[in-house]
């Protein structure tokens, strides 16, 4: 059994302000109609004799993963929830344990959810070449044939030839300086380290026992104590947090004697920065990639992305990135786009929220858009999916007014349950137990006006929640 293992726990800080912790890049449509996560699922699903995927996701993003799988009509997927980030080696280990439950001899195809591959046929051919090696207990990685001297990727040096244009790994190399990257490209002996792998699940765990026994012990404890939560498998927090955080490269691949590499040219990009997205994107005659309402005069080699109906105009600019969202705008030299993460670090240090949440925040029941806020008030536009409901909750410091603008809402306020139609409103006093539910088949939209001494999202006590969220 060949099982795709999709790693989708990344935060994508270098693509701020589009990518944020609450909605990171893998769940965004950055290159095509589907999101990067969905494209990864579809690419794996197109392989021959492939089983339902195993997805490793963060707890905060569990409903994003589930909803996007549902949109694709994927059935039988397992979604494992990491209670805390511990890097790729432990994440792959829990996926391997899940795969072995399905088939003791399972092969797992490890795919990061945030990569872009333009040539799926070449990728499928590389997987076919890797399968015989994995069945012979090699740990196979996929090396991307470099087309430029890139300093933002790790490299793999090819060793002796094995079979079918595959090689033993001679050396893993960290991200090089420019002059070293130039030498690697000229030599023809090196490939980019893609972070994609194929191996037998049990074989990976054996290697982990040899090179990182404490990690395997902690991961097995977390998996053994996992509990089912709706459609998710929730790993034990304490046990998983005890696992050493390390990448698969450091923990296993650089130490094993059974590492093999399959070179491939497949239009691969890790979309690790705005510059990487510009490189992978379609461009006009001036070398610009423009999205949204953009006027670009005397502008070349740039990526300009406007939000919704927000007009962005550029004049006399070369090699820049301009990205707007409802609450933030990024302007940077394209060759400095790796440093966007420093902006995110400053936002965190200042206690701000722009690195964490978009103005539109997605929830399992729908979304809310923070339209306006001021001293003792906040206005939101709330959208509730058909059949969905918010938790039964109360607030200590604020009252709320709800005005329905589309659809019919069912409102619970203390002991009263009633329907609100379009253009009707209600008042929810401070301290009241209340719930909003959509009993219909179309989305419900309403305007919420909050008023009170404190309006933070942490002023909420949940009494009942169908999504298993704590108060």
Protein backbone atom coordinates (compact mmCIF):
# COMPACT_ATOMS: atom_id res chain seq x y z
CA UNK A 1 0.00 0.00 0.00
CA UNK A 2 1.35 3.42 -1.02
CA UNK A 3 0.00 6.12 1.28
CA UNK A 4 0.53 9.88 0.79
CA UNK A 5 1.64 11.55 4.03
CA UNK A 6 0.87 15.26 3.74
CA UNK A 7 2.72 17.60 6.11
CA UNK A 8 0.58 20.72 6.47
CA UNK A 9 1.67 22.32 9.73
CA UNK A 10 3.84 25.18 8.41
CA UNK A 11 3.18 28.86 9.13
CA UNK A 12 4.54 30.43 5.90
CA UNK A 13 5.78 33.63 7.56
CA UNK A 14 7.79 34.72 4.51
CA UNK A 15 4.56 35.20 2.55
CA UNK A 16 3.12 37.69 5.05
CA UNK A 17 0.75 39.56 4.87
CA UNK A 18 -1.23 36.99 2.83
CA UNK A 19 -0.03 34.00 4.85
CA UNK A 20 -0.64 34.14 8.60
CA UNK A 21 -0.75 31.62 11.42
CA UNK A 22 -4.54 31.35 11.30
CA UNK A 23 -4.54 30.93 7.49
CA UNK A 24 -1.06 29.91 6.26
CA UNK A 25 0.11 29.63 2.67
CA UNK A 26 -0.70 25.94 2.16
CA UNK A 27 -4.41 26.70 2.53
CA UNK A 28 -4.33 29.65 0.10
CA UNK A 29 -4.83 29.77 -3.67
CA UNK A 30 -1.48 31.26 -4.68
CA UNK A 31 -0.94 29.57 -8.05
CA UNK A 32 -4.15 28.28 -9.57
CA UNK A 33 -7.74 27.84 -8.47
CA UNK A 34 -7.08 25.22 -5.81
CA UNK A 35 -4.99 25.86 -2.71
CA UNK A 36 -1.45 24.48 -2.45
CA UNK A 37 -2.77 21.86 0.00
CA UNK A 38 -5.46 20.78 -2.44
CA UNK A 39 -3.02 20.68 -5.34
CA UNK A 40 -0.76 18.41 -3.27
CA UNK A 41 -3.67 16.09 -2.48
CA UNK A 42 -4.74 15.97 -6.14
CA UNK A 43 -1.18 15.33 -7.33
CA UNK A 44 -0.86 12.37 -4.96
CA UNK A 45 -4.33 11.07 -5.79
CA UNK A 46 -3.36 10.91 -9.46
CA UNK A 47 -0.68 8.27 -8.82
CA UNK A 48 -1.37 4.61 -9.56
CA UNK A 49 -2.57 2.34 -6.72
CA UNK A 50 -2.56 5.15 -4.18
CA UNK A 51 -4.43 4.92 -0.86
CA UNK A 52 -6.33 7.62 1.02
CA UNK A 53 -3.98 10.27 2.45
CA UNK A 54 -2.74 10.78 5.97
CA UNK A 55 -2.57 14.47 6.87
CA UNK A 56 -0.53 15.86 9.76
CA UNK A 57 -1.89 19.29 10.69
CA UNK A 58 -1.73 21.72 13.57
CA UNK A 59 -4.67 21.87 15.93
CA UNK A 60 -5.43 25.47 14.90
CA UNK A 61 -5.76 24.49 11.24
CA UNK A 62 -7.70 21.24 11.60
CA UNK A 63 -10.96 22.53 10.16
CA UNK A 64 -9.18 24.16 7.22
CA UNK A 65 -7.64 20.81 6.29
CA UNK A 66 -10.92 18.92 6.76
CA UNK A 67 -12.95 21.44 4.76
CA UNK A 68 -10.51 21.52 1.86
CA UNK A 69 -10.43 17.71 1.71
CA UNK A 70 -14.22 17.74 1.67
CA UNK A 71 -14.24 20.25 -1.20
CA UNK A 72 -12.17 17.76 -3.23
CA UNK A 73 -14.47 14.88 -2.32
CA UNK A 74 -11.62 12.97 -0.64
CA UNK A 75 -12.89 10.12 1.55
CA UNK A 76 -11.08 7.96 4.08
CA UNK A 77 -8.35 10.47 4.94
CA UNK A 78 -6.77 10.40 8.40
CA UNK A 79 -6.05 13.79 10.00
CA UNK A 80 -3.50 13.70 12.84
CA UNK A 81 -3.30 16.81 15.01
CA UNK A 82 0.03 18.05 16.34
CA UNK A 83 -0.58 19.78 19.70
CA UNK A 84 2.67 21.69 19.24
CA UNK A 85 5.20 22.08 16.43
CA UNK A 86 8.14 19.65 16.70
CA UNK A 87 9.50 19.80 13.11
CA UNK A 88 9.32 17.19 10.36
CA UNK A 89 10.94 14.11 11.92
CA UNK A 90 8.30 13.61 14.67
CA UNK A 91 5.48 14.58 12.28
CA UNK A 92 6.58 11.91 9.80
CA UNK A 93 6.93 9.40 12.64
CA UNK A 94 3.31 9.76 13.74
CA UNK A 95 2.24 9.48 10.12
CA UNK A 96 4.30 6.29 9.81
CA UNK A 97 2.61 4.83 12.89
CA UNK A 98 -0.80 5.59 11.41
CA UNK A 99 0.22 4.05 8.08
CA UNK A 100 1.37 0.82 9.78
CA UNK A 101 -2.07 0.49 11.35
CA UNK A 102 -3.49 0.43 7.83
CA UNK A 103 -0.81 -1.90 6.42
CA UNK A 104 2.30 -3.18 8.30
CA UNK A 105 4.29 -3.01 5.03
CA UNK A 106 2.95 0.38 3.93
CA UNK A 107 5.10 2.71 1.86
CA UNK A 108 4.63 6.39 2.61
CA UNK A 109 5.11 9.26 0.16
CA UNK A 110 5.97 12.29 2.29
CA UNK A 111 4.85 15.55 0.69
CA UNK A 112 4.93 19.06 2.21
CA UNK A 113 1.53 20.66 1.60
CA UNK A 114 2.92 24.04 0.52
CA UNK A 115 4.96 23.07 -2.54
CA UNK A 116 4.13 23.82 -6.16
CA UNK A 117 4.83 21.31 -8.94
CA UNK A 118 4.13 22.39 -12.49
CA UNK A 119 4.81 19.05 -14.22
CA UNK A 120 2.79 16.33 -12.50
CA UNK A 121 3.74 13.72 -15.13
CA UNK A 122 7.46 14.10 -14.38
CA UNK A 123 6.74 13.93 -10.68
CA UNK A 124 4.74 10.70 -11.16
CA UNK A 125 7.63 9.25 -13.18
CA UNK A 126 10.04 10.08 -10.33
CA UNK A 127 7.77 8.31 -7.84
CA UNK A 128 7.68 5.26 -10.12
CA UNK A 129 11.51 5.23 -10.21
CA UNK A 130 11.67 5.56 -6.44
CA UNK A 131 9.25 2.72 -5.64
CA UNK A 132 11.65 -0.20 -6.30
CA UNK A 133 14.24 1.43 -4.04
CA UNK A 134 11.74 1.96 -1.23
CA UNK A 135 10.65 -1.68 -1.53
CA UNK A 136 14.33 -2.60 -1.04
CA UNK A 137 14.36 -0.57 2.19
CA UNK A 138 16.10 2.52 0.84
CA UNK A 139 15.01 5.87 2.26
CA UNK A 140 14.46 7.85 -0.93
CA UNK A 141 14.46 11.61 -1.28
CA UNK A 142 13.64 13.56 -4.43
CA UNK A 143 16.33 15.93 -5.67
CA UNK A 144 15.27 18.84 -7.86
CA UNK A 145 17.64 19.45 -10.76
CA UNK A 146 18.79 23.07 -10.25
CA UNK A 147 18.35 25.66 -12.99
CA UNK A 148 20.11 28.44 -11.10
CA UNK A 149 22.65 28.92 -8.29
CA UNK A 150 20.10 29.20 -5.49
CA UNK A 151 21.27 30.07 -1.95
CA UNK A 152 17.87 29.57 -0.31
CA UNK A 153 17.81 25.74 -0.57
CA UNK A 154 19.81 22.88 0.86
CA UNK A 155 21.59 20.63 -1.65
CA UNK A 156 22.11 16.87 -2.12
CA UNK A 157 25.29 15.54 -3.69
CA UNK A 158 24.72 12.42 -5.79
CA UNK A 159 26.94 9.40 -5.13
CA UNK A 160 27.21 6.08 -6.95
CA UNK A 161 24.50 5.18 -9.43
CA UNK A 162 21.92 2.61 -8.32
CA UNK A 163 19.27 1.73 -10.91
CA UNK A 164 17.02 3.59 -13.30
CA UNK A 165 18.66 7.03 -12.95
CA UNK A 166 18.74 6.87 -9.15
CA UNK A 167 21.73 7.38 -6.87
CA UNK A 168 23.04 6.80 -3.40
CA UNK A 169 23.20 10.07 -1.44
CA UNK A 170 26.81 11.15 -1.03
CA UNK A 171 26.22 14.26 1.06
CA UNK A 172 23.54 16.64 2.36
CA UNK A 173 24.69 20.26 2.27
CA UNK A 174 23.21 23.27 4.08
CA UNK A 175 22.16 26.41 2.22
CA UNK A 176 25.39 27.61 0.58
CA UNK A 177 26.85 31.04 0.00
CA UNK A 178 26.62 32.38 -3.55
CA UNK A 179 30.09 31.34 -4.71
CA UNK A 180 29.57 27.80 -3.42
CA UNK A 181 26.13 27.61 -5.06
CA UNK A 182 27.77 28.65 -8.34
CA UNK A 183 30.23 25.75 -7.98
CA UNK A 184 27.43 23.28 -7.22
CA UNK A 185 25.52 24.32 -10.31
CA UNK A 186 28.60 24.12 -12.54
CA UNK A 187 29.59 20.66 -11.25
CA UNK A 188 26.28 19.01 -12.20
CA UNK A 189 26.62 16.72 -9.16
CA UNK A 190 24.12 18.44 -6.88
CA UNK A 191 20.33 18.65 -6.64
CA UNK A 192 18.14 20.84 -4.47
CA UNK A 193 16.80 19.16 -1.35
CA UNK A 194 13.03 19.14 -1.96
CA UNK A 195 11.88 17.79 1.42
CA UNK A 196 9.85 15.05 -0.35
CA UNK A 197 10.51 11.39 0.52
CA UNK A 198 9.40 7.83 -0.18
CA UNK A 199 10.13 4.88 2.11
CA UNK A 200 8.61 2.01 4.02
CA UNK A 201 6.96 3.33 7.19
CA UNK A 202 8.46 0.60 9.36
CA UNK A 203 11.93 1.23 7.92
CA UNK A 204 11.79 4.90 8.84
CA UNK A 205 10.80 4.03 12.40
CA UNK A 206 13.69 1.55 12.63
CA UNK A 207 16.13 4.28 11.60
CA UNK A 208 14.55 6.65 14.11
CA UNK A 209 15.05 4.06 16.85
CA UNK A 210 18.73 3.89 15.97
CA UNK A 211 19.50 7.59 15.56
CA UNK A 212 16.84 9.34 17.69
CA UNK A 213 15.45 6.80 20.19
CA UNK A 214 14.05 9.45 22.55
CA UNK A 215 12.05 10.93 19.66
CA UNK A 216 10.55 7.59 18.67
CA UNK A 217 9.66 6.82 22.30
CA UNK A 218 7.92 10.16 22.78
CA UNK A 219 6.07 9.93 19.46
CA UNK A 220 4.86 6.38 20.17
CA UNK A 221 3.61 7.53 23.57
CA UNK A 222 1.77 10.47 21.99
CA UNK A 223 0.24 8.20 19.34
CA UNK A 224 -0.67 5.51 21.86
CA UNK A 225 -2.48 8.03 24.06
CA UNK A 226 -4.20 9.78 21.13
CA UNK A 227 -7.96 10.23 21.23
CA UNK A 228 -10.56 10.59 18.50
CA UNK A 229 -12.12 14.06 18.29
CA UNK A 230 -14.83 14.30 15.62
CA UNK A 231 -12.98 13.33 12.41
CA UNK A 232 -9.54 14.03 13.89
CA UNK A 233 -6.91 12.00 15.77
CA UNK A 234 -5.63 14.23 18.55
CA UNK A 235 -2.12 13.31 19.75
CA UNK A 236 -1.36 13.47 23.47
CA UNK A 237 -0.01 16.93 24.21
CA UNK A 238 2.40 16.14 27.03
CA UNK A 239 3.97 13.14 25.32
CA UNK A 240 4.34 14.85 21.93
CA UNK A 241 5.81 17.99 23.50
CA UNK A 242 8.52 15.76 25.03
CA UNK A 243 9.70 14.67 21.57
CA UNK A 244 12.94 16.41 20.50
CA UNK A 245 12.15 18.85 17.72
CA UNK A 246 14.24 18.04 14.67
CA UNK A 247 14.01 17.78 10.90
CA UNK A 248 14.07 14.44 9.12
CA UNK A 249 17.34 15.48 7.49
CA UNK A 250 19.16 15.98 10.80
CA UNK A 251 17.45 13.15 12.67
CA UNK A 252 17.71 10.40 10.03
CA UNK A 253 18.68 11.20 6.43
CA UNK A 254 22.15 12.61 7.16
CA UNK A 255 23.00 9.60 9.37
CA UNK A 256 21.51 6.59 7.59
CA UNK A 257 23.60 4.49 5.18
CA UNK A 258 20.50 3.77 3.09
CA UNK A 259 19.70 7.23 1.72
CA UNK A 260 19.00 7.40 -2.01
CA UNK A 261 18.08 10.30 -4.28
CA UNK A 262 15.91 10.37 -7.40
CA UNK A 263 16.67 13.47 -9.51
CA UNK A 264 13.64 15.12 -11.11
CA UNK A 265 12.80 18.21 -13.15
CA UNK A 266 9.12 18.92 -12.52
CA UNK A 267 8.63 22.68 -12.21
CA UNK A 268 9.08 22.50 -8.45
CA UNK A 269 8.98 25.46 -6.05
CA UNK A 270 8.62 25.56 -2.30
CA UNK A 271 6.98 29.03 -2.62
CA UNK A 272 9.22 30.03 0.28
CA UNK A 273 9.14 33.76 -0.43
CA UNK A 274 7.45 36.35 -2.63
CA UNK A 275 10.48 36.16 -4.91
CA UNK A 276 9.95 32.39 -5.25
CA UNK A 277 6.30 32.95 -6.11
CA UNK A 278 7.32 35.55 -8.74
CA UNK A 279 9.74 33.05 -10.26
CA UNK A 280 7.03 30.36 -10.48
CA UNK A 281 4.21 32.64 -11.65
CA UNK A 282 3.15 33.66 -15.14
CA UNK A 283 4.49 37.08 -16.10
CA UNK A 284 3.65 39.71 -18.69
CA UNK A 285 5.94 41.22 -21.31
CA UNK A 286 7.55 43.46 -18.66
CA UNK A 287 8.29 40.51 -16.38
CA UNK A 288 5.53 41.51 -13.97
CA UNK A 289 3.09 39.24 -12.18
CA UNK A 290 -0.01 41.34 -11.45
CA UNK A 291 -3.09 40.22 -9.51
CA UNK A 292 -6.22 42.20 -8.72
CA UNK A 293 -6.87 45.85 -9.54
CA UNK A 294 -3.36 46.98 -10.54
CA UNK A 295 -2.00 49.73 -12.79
CA UNK A 296 1.74 49.24 -13.40
CA UNK A 297 3.46 52.09 -15.29
CA UNK A 298 7.14 51.86 -16.15
CA UNK A 299 7.34 48.86 -13.81
CA UNK A 300 9.39 45.73 -14.53
CA UNK A 301 10.28 42.44 -12.89
CA UNK A 302 7.78 42.95 -10.08
CA UNK A 303 5.01 41.16 -8.23
CA UNK A 304 2.05 43.39 -7.41
CA UNK A 305 -1.01 41.92 -5.72
CA UNK A 306 -4.01 44.00 -4.66
CA UNK A 307 -6.81 42.92 -2.40
CA UNK A 308 -10.39 42.80 -3.64
CA UNK A 309 -11.33 46.23 -5.08
CA UNK A 310 -8.27 48.00 -3.63
CA UNK A 311 -6.51 49.78 -6.52
CA UNK A 312 -2.71 49.63 -6.46
CA UNK A 313 -0.71 51.81 -8.88
CA UNK A 314 3.06 51.62 -9.34
CA UNK A 315 5.27 54.01 -11.33
CA UNK A 316 8.95 53.66 -12.23
CA UNK A 317 9.69 50.59 -10.11
CA UNK A 318 11.84 47.57 -10.88
CA UNK A 319 12.12 44.23 -9.04
CA UNK A 320 9.75 45.01 -6.18
CA UNK A 321 6.98 43.22 -4.29
CA UNK A 322 3.79 45.09 -3.39
CA UNK A 323 1.07 43.12 -1.59
CA UNK A 324 -2.04 44.56 0.03
CA UNK A 325 -4.61 43.06 2.39
CA UNK A 326 -7.48 44.79 4.23
CA UNK A 327 -5.25 45.52 7.24
CA UNK A 328 -1.64 45.51 5.99
CA UNK A 329 0.53 46.41 2.99
CA UNK A 330 3.97 45.04 2.17
CA UNK A 331 6.44 46.91 -0.07
CA UNK A 332 9.87 45.31 -0.52
CA UNK A 333 12.69 44.76 -2.94
CA UNK A 334 12.14 41.37 -4.50
CA UNK A 335 15.63 40.19 -3.53
CA UNK A 336 14.91 41.10 0.12
CA UNK A 337 11.68 39.13 0.37
CA UNK A 338 13.31 36.43 2.54
CA UNK A 339 13.46 39.08 5.27
CA UNK A 340 9.67 39.38 5.51
CA UNK A 341 9.89 37.00 8.48
CA UNK A 342 11.66 39.81 10.39
CA UNK A 343 8.50 41.92 10.08
CA UNK A 344 6.50 39.02 11.52
CA UNK A 345 8.97 38.76 14.41
CA UNK A 346 8.56 42.47 15.15
CA UNK A 347 4.77 42.15 15.11
CA UNK A 348 4.97 39.28 17.59
CA UNK A 349 7.37 41.18 19.84
CA UNK A 350 5.06 44.22 19.84
CA UNK A 351 2.07 42.09 20.88
CA UNK A 352 0.16 42.88 17.69
CA UNK A 353 -2.19 40.51 15.87
CA UNK A 354 -1.46 41.14 12.18
CA UNK A 355 0.95 38.18 12.04
CA UNK A 356 -1.67 35.89 13.49
CA UNK A 357 -5.11 36.75 12.12
CA UNK A 358 -6.46 38.26 8.94
CA UNK A 359 -9.20 40.83 9.22
CA UNK A 360 -11.46 38.06 7.90
CA UNK A 361 -11.10 35.15 10.34
CA UNK A 362 -12.25 31.68 9.31
CA UNK A 363 -13.96 29.42 11.84
CA UNK A 364 -15.44 25.91 11.45
CA UNK A 365 -18.94 27.44 11.40
CA UNK A 366 -18.10 30.21 8.86
CA UNK A 367 -16.20 33.50 9.18
CA UNK A 368 -16.21 36.98 10.62
CA UNK A 369 -14.85 40.25 9.24
CA UNK A 370 -13.87 42.99 11.71
CA UNK A 371 -15.23 46.05 9.90
CA UNK A 372 -14.67 48.82 12.45
CA UNK A 373 -13.56 49.28 16.04
CA UNK A 374 -13.13 52.12 18.47
CA UNK A 375 -13.37 53.00 22.15
CA UNK A 376 -15.84 50.49 23.69
CA UNK A 377 -17.30 49.25 20.38
CA UNK A 378 -16.57 46.86 17.51
CA UNK A 379 -18.52 46.02 14.34
CA UNK A 380 -18.28 42.64 12.60
CA UNK A 381 -19.83 40.99 9.57
CA UNK A 382 -20.59 37.37 10.44
CA UNK A 383 -21.32 34.60 7.93
CA UNK A 384 -22.66 31.24 9.17
CA UNK A 385 -22.63 28.19 6.89
CA UNK A 386 -25.86 26.24 6.26
CA UNK A 387 -26.57 23.92 9.19
CA UNK A 388 -23.71 25.32 11.26
CA UNK A 389 -23.87 26.85 14.74
CA UNK A 390 -21.65 28.90 17.00
CA UNK A 391 -21.04 27.65 20.53
CA UNK A 392 -23.46 28.35 23.39
CA UNK A 393 -21.48 31.10 25.07
CA UNK A 394 -21.44 34.21 27.25
CA UNK A 395 -19.23 37.26 27.71
CA UNK A 396 -18.25 38.99 30.95
CA UNK A 397 -17.46 42.42 29.53
CA UNK A 398 -19.58 43.05 26.43
CA UNK A 399 -23.13 43.07 25.11
CA UNK A 400 -23.99 42.39 21.46
CA UNK A 401 -26.54 43.53 18.89
CA UNK A 402 -27.28 41.27 15.90
CA UNK A 403 -28.88 42.52 12.67
CA UNK A 404 -29.65 39.86 10.02
CA UNK A 405 -28.97 41.08 6.47
CA UNK A 406 -29.35 37.78 4.58
CA UNK A 407 -31.04 34.49 5.41
CA UNK A 408 -32.82 33.33 8.57
CA UNK A 409 -30.97 32.87 11.86
CA UNK A 410 -31.99 30.87 14.92
CA UNK A 411 -31.05 32.76 18.08
CA UNK A 412 -30.77 31.38 21.61
CA UNK A 413 -30.69 33.97 24.40
CA UNK A 414 -30.88 32.42 27.86
CA UNK A 415 -34.17 30.47 27.89
CA UNK A 416 -35.54 31.97 24.66
CA UNK A 417 -35.10 30.42 21.20
CA UNK A 418 -36.46 32.37 18.22
CA UNK A 419 -35.92 33.07 14.50
CA UNK A 420 -34.62 36.31 13.02
CA UNK A 421 -35.32 37.09 9.36
CA UNK A 422 -33.68 39.65 7.08
CA UNK A 423 -33.78 43.23 8.43
CA UNK A 424 -34.67 42.02 11.93
CA UNK A 425 -32.42 42.50 14.96
CA UNK A 426 -31.98 41.45 18.58
CA UNK A 427 -30.06 42.51 21.69
CA UNK A 428 -27.93 40.11 23.77
CA UNK A 429 -27.26 41.58 27.23
CA UNK A 430 -23.89 41.27 28.93
CA UNK A 431 -23.71 37.93 30.75
CA UNK A 432 -26.47 36.24 28.76
CA UNK A 433 -26.01 32.70 27.43
CA UNK A 434 -26.48 32.89 23.69
CA UNK A 435 -26.00 30.97 20.47
CA UNK A 436 -26.39 31.67 16.76
CA UNK A 437 -27.43 28.86 14.40
CA UNK A 438 -28.21 28.66 10.70
CA UNK A 439 -31.15 26.27 10.24
CA UNK A 440 -31.41 26.89 6.49
CA UNK A 441 -29.71 25.77 3.28
CA UNK A 442 -28.14 29.13 2.41
CA UNK A 443 -25.51 31.12 4.34
CA UNK A 444 -26.74 33.55 7.00
CA UNK A 445 -25.11 36.98 7.07
CA UNK A 446 -25.49 39.45 9.92
CA UNK A 447 -23.89 42.54 11.37
CA UNK A 448 -22.76 42.27 14.98
CA UNK A 449 -22.20 45.39 17.06
CA UNK A 450 -20.28 44.75 20.28
CA UNK A 451 -20.19 47.28 23.10
CA UNK A 452 -18.49 47.09 26.46
CA UNK A 453 -15.37 47.68 28.51
CA UNK A 454 -13.35 44.84 26.89
CA UNK A 455 -13.87 43.39 23.41
CA UNK A 456 -11.07 40.80 23.12
CA UNK A 457 -11.71 37.38 21.59
CA UNK A 458 -10.61 35.74 24.85
CA UNK A 459 -13.68 37.13 26.69
CA UNK A 460 -15.72 34.04 25.94
CA UNK A 461 -17.05 31.20 28.10
CA UNK A 462 -18.28 28.20 26.08
CA UNK A 463 -20.94 25.97 27.61
CA UNK A 464 -21.53 23.75 24.60
CA UNK A 465 -19.64 23.49 21.31
CA UNK A 466 -20.18 20.98 18.51
CA UNK A 467 -16.58 21.53 17.34
CA UNK A 468 -14.97 20.45 20.62
CA UNK A 469 -13.45 23.81 21.47
CA UNK A 470 -12.79 24.54 25.13
CA UNK A 471 -13.93 27.68 26.91
